[in-house]
Amino acid sequence: YKYPLLEKTMPFEGIQLASLADIAAMKIHAIEERGTRRDFVDAYFLSKKYSLEDMLDFYQNKYAVLENHLYSILRSLDYFEDAEQEKQMPQMLTEVSWEEVKEYFRKEIHRITEKKLRT
C-alpha cells in the first residue's frame, strides 16, 4: 500500500485494521473516485465520530493533496448521480435513509464552502 498510515493499525482477530482516521480518508478518496452509496453511507456514519472537515484533513494528509484540490473533492461529495443508479441501500447495522445521507453532505459542503470563502 503506497500511502502512509495516519495512525497505527489496530489488531482485531489476528489481523491489523486501519484506524478510523485512515478509513475516513479512504472513504473520501473512494467517493471522489467512484461514489457508491456504500461509500457515502460509510462516510456519513464516520461523521458521527469526525466532522467532514476532519475527514477532509485526513484525506489531504494521507494522499498529499493540495488545498486547491479541495473544490474538486467537495464537488465529488455533492455528486450523487452515480450512487443513485444503485437500486438498494447497503446493509447497515443502523438504518439511515438515502435522503438523510444526501442532506447531510449538502449541508456540510455548503457550510465548509461558506467558511472557506470567508477566509
Protein backbone atom coordinates (compact mmCIF):
# COMPACT_ATOMS: atom_id res chain seq x y z
CA TYR A 1 0.00 0.00 0.00
CA LYS A 2 1.74 3.14 -1.19
CA TYR A 3 0.01 5.72 1.03
CA PRO A 4 1.19 6.40 4.58
CA LEU A 5 -0.91 5.45 7.56
CA LEU A 6 -2.16 8.39 9.60
CA GLU A 7 -2.30 6.31 12.77
CA LYS A 8 -1.10 2.88 13.84
CA THR A 9 -3.15 -0.13 12.82
CA MET A 10 -5.23 -1.94 15.43
CA PRO A 11 -5.16 -5.72 15.94
CA PHE A 12 -8.50 -7.48 15.56
CA GLU A 13 -8.94 -11.25 15.50
CA GLY A 14 -5.43 -11.85 14.18
CA ILE A 15 -5.38 -9.12 11.52
CA GLN A 16 -4.32 -5.49 11.54
CA LEU A 17 -7.11 -2.97 10.86
CA ALA A 18 -6.62 0.58 9.65
CA SER A 19 -7.57 3.31 12.12
CA LEU A 20 -10.89 5.12 11.76
CA ALA A 21 -8.97 8.23 10.63
CA ASP A 22 -7.33 6.23 7.83
CA ILE A 23 -10.66 4.66 6.88
CA ALA A 24 -12.28 8.11 6.79
CA ALA A 25 -9.55 9.35 4.43
CA MET A 26 -10.01 6.26 2.25
CA LYS A 27 -13.79 6.79 2.12
CA ILE A 28 -13.35 10.38 0.91
CA HIS A 29 -10.94 9.05 -1.72
CA ALA A 30 -13.42 6.33 -2.73
CA ILE A 31 -16.24 8.86 -3.10
CA GLU A 32 -14.02 11.04 -5.26
CA GLU A 33 -13.16 8.03 -7.44
CA ARG A 34 -16.46 6.16 -7.73
CA GLY A 35 -19.16 7.49 -5.38
CA THR A 36 -21.17 4.41 -4.44
CA ARG A 37 -23.99 4.54 -1.91
CA ARG A 38 -21.94 2.32 0.38
CA ASP A 39 -19.08 4.86 0.42
CA PHE A 40 -21.43 7.77 1.12
CA VAL A 41 -23.19 5.81 3.89
CA ASP A 42 -19.88 4.76 5.45
CA ALA A 43 -18.63 8.37 5.40
CA TYR A 44 -21.95 9.51 6.87
CA PHE A 45 -21.55 7.16 9.85
CA LEU A 46 -17.87 8.11 10.24
CA SER A 47 -19.09 11.71 10.52
CA LYS A 48 -20.63 10.73 13.87
CA LYS A 49 -17.05 10.48 15.19
CA TYR A 50 -15.24 13.00 12.96
CA SER A 51 -16.52 16.14 11.28
CA LEU A 52 -16.45 16.22 7.50
CA GLU A 53 -13.74 18.89 7.80
CA ASP A 54 -11.64 16.49 9.88
CA MET A 55 -12.16 13.75 7.30
CA LEU A 56 -11.07 16.13 4.54
CA ASP A 57 -7.95 16.97 6.55
CA PHE A 58 -7.23 13.24 6.95
CA TYR A 59 -7.65 12.84 3.20
CA GLN A 60 -5.31 15.72 2.42
CA ASN A 61 -2.66 14.39 4.81
CA LYS A 62 -2.88 10.77 3.67
CA TYR A 63 -2.87 11.46 -0.06
CA ALA A 64 -0.72 14.62 -0.01
CA VAL A 65 -3.49 16.57 -1.74
CA LEU A 66 -3.04 20.29 -2.17
CA GLU A 67 -5.55 22.70 -0.65
CA ASN A 68 -6.53 23.93 -4.13
CA HIS A 69 -7.85 20.42 -4.88
CA LEU A 70 -10.48 20.88 -2.17
CA TYR A 71 -13.07 22.32 -4.60
CA SER A 72 -12.94 19.17 -6.72
CA ILE A 73 -13.32 16.97 -3.64
CA LEU A 74 -16.30 18.97 -2.39
CA ARG A 75 -17.96 18.63 -5.79
CA SER A 76 -17.50 14.85 -5.61
CA LEU A 77 -19.13 14.80 -2.18
CA ASP A 78 -22.16 16.56 -3.64
CA TYR A 79 -22.44 14.40 -6.78
CA PHE A 80 -24.96 11.63 -6.20
CA GLU A 81 -25.97 10.61 -9.75
CA ASP A 82 -23.74 7.53 -9.93
CA ALA A 83 -24.83 6.35 -6.48
CA GLU A 84 -28.47 6.84 -7.43
CA GLN A 85 -28.10 4.29 -10.23
CA GLU A 86 -27.91 1.70 -7.45
CA LYS A 87 -31.37 0.48 -6.56
CA GLN A 88 -30.78 -0.50 -2.95
CA MET A 89 -29.09 0.87 0.11
CA PRO A 90 -26.22 -1.21 1.54
CA GLN A 91 -26.91 -3.44 4.52
CA MET A 92 -26.45 -1.48 7.73
CA LEU A 93 -26.47 -2.16 11.44
CA THR A 94 -28.16 1.21 11.96
CA GLU A 95 -30.62 2.28 9.29
CA VAL A 96 -30.42 5.66 7.59
CA SER A 97 -32.29 6.87 4.52
CA TRP A 98 -30.53 7.87 1.32
CA GLU A 99 -32.21 11.27 1.55
CA GLU A 100 -30.77 11.82 5.04
CA VAL A 101 -27.27 10.94 3.81
CA LYS A 102 -27.53 13.32 0.84
CA GLU A 103 -28.91 16.11 3.01
CA TYR A 104 -26.04 15.74 5.47
CA PHE A 105 -23.44 16.10 2.72
CA ARG A 106 -25.23 19.01 1.09
CA LYS A 107 -25.45 20.95 4.36
CA GLU A 108 -21.86 20.23 5.35
CA ILE A 109 -20.48 21.14 1.94
CA HIS A 110 -22.42 24.40 2.00
CA ARG A 111 -21.09 25.16 5.49
CA ILE A 112 -17.49 24.31 4.57
CA THR A 113 -17.68 26.30 1.33
CA GLU A 114 -19.04 29.35 3.14
CA LYS A 115 -16.30 29.05 5.75
CA LYS A 116 -13.56 28.76 3.10
CA LEU A 117 -14.91 31.76 1.19
CA ARG A 118 -14.71 33.90 4.34
CA THR A 119 -11.04 33.06 4.90
